[in-house]
Amino acid sequence: QVTLVESGGGLVQPGGSLSVSCAASGPTSSINTMAWFRQAPGQERKFVSAISWSGKSTVYADSVKGRFTISFDNAKKAAYLQMNSLQPEETAIYYCAAGARGLSPAAGMYHGWGQGTQVTVSS
């Protein structure tokens, strides 16, 4: 089972930027996609972005297009999410996910999950 560990969450002011990271370890040979989801209190987990293991293909939720950038370092087996112009409603736990079914916004398509990292957007 792949292990995913997120880092980089924290407190940021509205309009600010923050980057979160996800390091993958264990059996990764079958993984072809890394993704980020977020879950706010009382809400369901929502798709944010996904990237192919090659780093050549990406997909974003409409709500973050133009503000968030996903990237992947194949050598380090690490995914990153650079988040700009953050707003208070984006306060959530951000989860890293790994899957073998291609770029998908559906949480059920991912079999590996990290423990999450808290991102709080507040003044």
Protein backbone atom coordinates (compact mmCIF):
# COMPACT_ATOMS: atom_id res chain seq x y z
CA GLN A 1 0.00 0.00 0.00
CA VAL A 2 1.39 3.38 -0.98
CA THR A 3 2.02 5.84 1.83
CA LEU A 4 1.36 9.54 1.30
CA VAL A 5 2.51 12.27 3.68
CA GLU A 6 1.38 15.86 3.24
CA SER A 7 3.14 18.91 4.59
CA GLY A 8 3.12 22.67 4.22
CA GLY A 9 -0.31 23.64 5.49
CA GLY A 10 -0.83 26.56 7.80
CA LEU A 11 -2.44 29.95 8.27
CA VAL A 12 -2.52 32.49 5.48
CA GLN A 13 -4.31 35.82 5.05
CA PRO A 14 -7.00 36.26 2.41
CA GLY A 15 -5.38 36.90 -0.94
CA GLY A 16 -2.20 35.19 0.17
CA SER A 17 -0.33 32.16 -1.14
CA LEU A 18 0.61 28.82 0.28
CA SER A 19 2.19 25.65 -1.04
CA VAL A 20 1.50 22.12 0.15
CA SER A 21 3.54 19.03 -0.62
CA CYS A 22 2.92 15.29 -0.74
CA ALA A 23 5.62 12.65 -0.57
CA ALA A 24 4.82 9.15 -1.80
CA SER A 25 6.59 6.01 -0.65
CA GLY A 26 6.10 2.29 -0.88
CA PRO A 27 4.81 0.45 -3.97
CA THR A 28 4.28 3.24 -6.51
CA SER A 29 4.81 1.34 -9.76
CA SER A 30 1.08 1.01 -10.42
CA ILE A 31 0.28 4.65 -9.71
CA ASN A 32 -0.31 6.91 -12.69
CA THR A 33 -2.06 9.86 -11.07
CA MET A 34 -1.60 12.10 -8.06
CA ALA A 35 -4.35 14.42 -6.91
CA TRP A 36 -5.39 16.95 -4.30
CA PHE A 37 -8.78 17.09 -2.62
CA ARG A 38 -10.02 19.33 0.16
CA GLN A 39 -12.66 18.97 2.83
CA ALA A 40 -14.14 21.84 4.80
CA PRO A 41 -15.95 21.26 8.11
CA GLY A 42 -19.36 19.75 7.55
CA GLN A 43 -18.82 19.34 3.83
CA GLU A 44 -17.92 16.46 1.55
CA ARG A 45 -14.45 15.97 0.19
CA LYS A 46 -14.04 17.90 -3.07
CA PHE A 47 -11.65 17.57 -5.97
CA VAL A 48 -9.05 20.29 -6.44
CA SER A 49 -6.54 19.11 -9.01
CA ALA A 50 -4.80 16.06 -10.47
CA ILE A 51 -1.59 15.38 -12.37
CA SER A 52 -0.24 12.41 -14.29
CA TRP A 53 2.82 10.61 -12.98
CA SER A 54 4.75 11.96 -15.96
CA GLY A 55 3.70 15.47 -15.01
CA LYS A 56 2.55 16.15 -18.55
CA SER A 57 -1.21 16.15 -17.95
CA THR A 58 -3.12 18.16 -15.39
CA VAL A 59 -6.73 18.93 -14.54
CA TYR A 60 -8.22 21.50 -12.20
CA ALA A 61 -11.55 22.18 -10.58
CA ASP A 62 -13.15 25.26 -12.12
CA SER A 63 -13.01 27.07 -8.79
CA VAL A 64 -9.20 27.01 -8.68
CA LYS A 65 -8.24 27.39 -12.35
CA GLY A 66 -5.78 30.20 -12.84
CA ARG A 67 -4.93 30.39 -9.14
CA PHE A 68 -3.64 26.94 -8.20
CA THR A 69 -0.81 25.05 -9.86
CA ILE A 70 -0.14 21.34 -9.41
CA SER A 71 3.25 19.84 -10.15
CA PHE A 72 5.05 16.53 -9.70
CA ASP A 73 8.68 15.59 -9.22
CA ASN A 74 9.07 12.06 -10.52
CA ALA A 75 12.52 11.59 -9.03
CA LYS A 76 11.32 12.55 -5.57
CA LYS A 77 7.88 10.97 -5.99
CA ALA A 78 6.43 14.20 -4.64
CA ALA A 79 3.41 16.22 -5.66
CA TYR A 80 2.99 19.90 -4.96
CA LEU A 81 0.11 22.33 -4.96
CA GLN A 82 0.87 26.04 -5.19
CA MET A 83 -2.15 28.03 -4.11
CA ASN A 84 -2.50 31.75 -4.85
CA SER A 85 -5.20 34.31 -4.07
CA LEU A 86 -6.62 32.11 -1.33
CA GLN A 87 -10.00 33.00 0.11
CA PRO A 88 -11.55 32.21 3.51
CA GLU A 89 -14.00 29.75 1.98
CA GLU A 90 -11.01 27.66 0.92
CA THR A 91 -10.19 26.86 4.51
CA ALA A 92 -10.11 23.08 4.65
CA ILE A 93 -8.05 20.00 5.20
CA TYR A 94 -6.15 19.33 2.01
CA TYR A 95 -5.62 15.67 1.15
CA CYS A 96 -3.19 14.09 -1.25
CA ALA A 97 -4.38 11.05 -3.19
CA ALA A 98 -2.81 8.46 -5.46
CA GLY A 99 -4.55 6.39 -8.09
CA ALA A 100 -4.09 4.10 -11.06
CA ARG A 101 -7.16 5.04 -13.09
CA GLY A 102 -6.03 8.24 -14.74
CA LEU A 103 -7.00 11.83 -14.12
CA SER A 104 -10.34 11.81 -12.37
CA PRO A 105 -12.24 14.20 -10.08
CA ALA A 106 -13.91 11.28 -8.31
CA ALA A 107 -12.50 10.42 -4.91
CA GLY A 108 -13.45 6.78 -5.40
CA MET A 109 -10.90 6.45 -8.21
CA TYR A 110 -8.01 6.90 -5.79
CA HIS A 111 -6.80 4.11 -3.56
CA GLY A 112 -4.16 5.89 -1.54
CA TRP A 113 -4.75 8.83 0.78
CA GLY A 114 -2.64 10.97 3.04
CA GLN A 115 -3.63 12.11 6.51
CA GLY A 116 -4.30 15.64 5.30
CA THR A 117 -2.87 19.03 6.11
CA GLN A 118 -4.86 21.97 7.46
CA VAL A 119 -5.01 25.16 5.42
CA THR A 120 -6.66 28.11 7.15
CA VAL A 121 -7.35 31.34 5.31
CA SER A 122 -8.13 34.08 7.78
CA SER A 123 -7.17 37.60 8.71
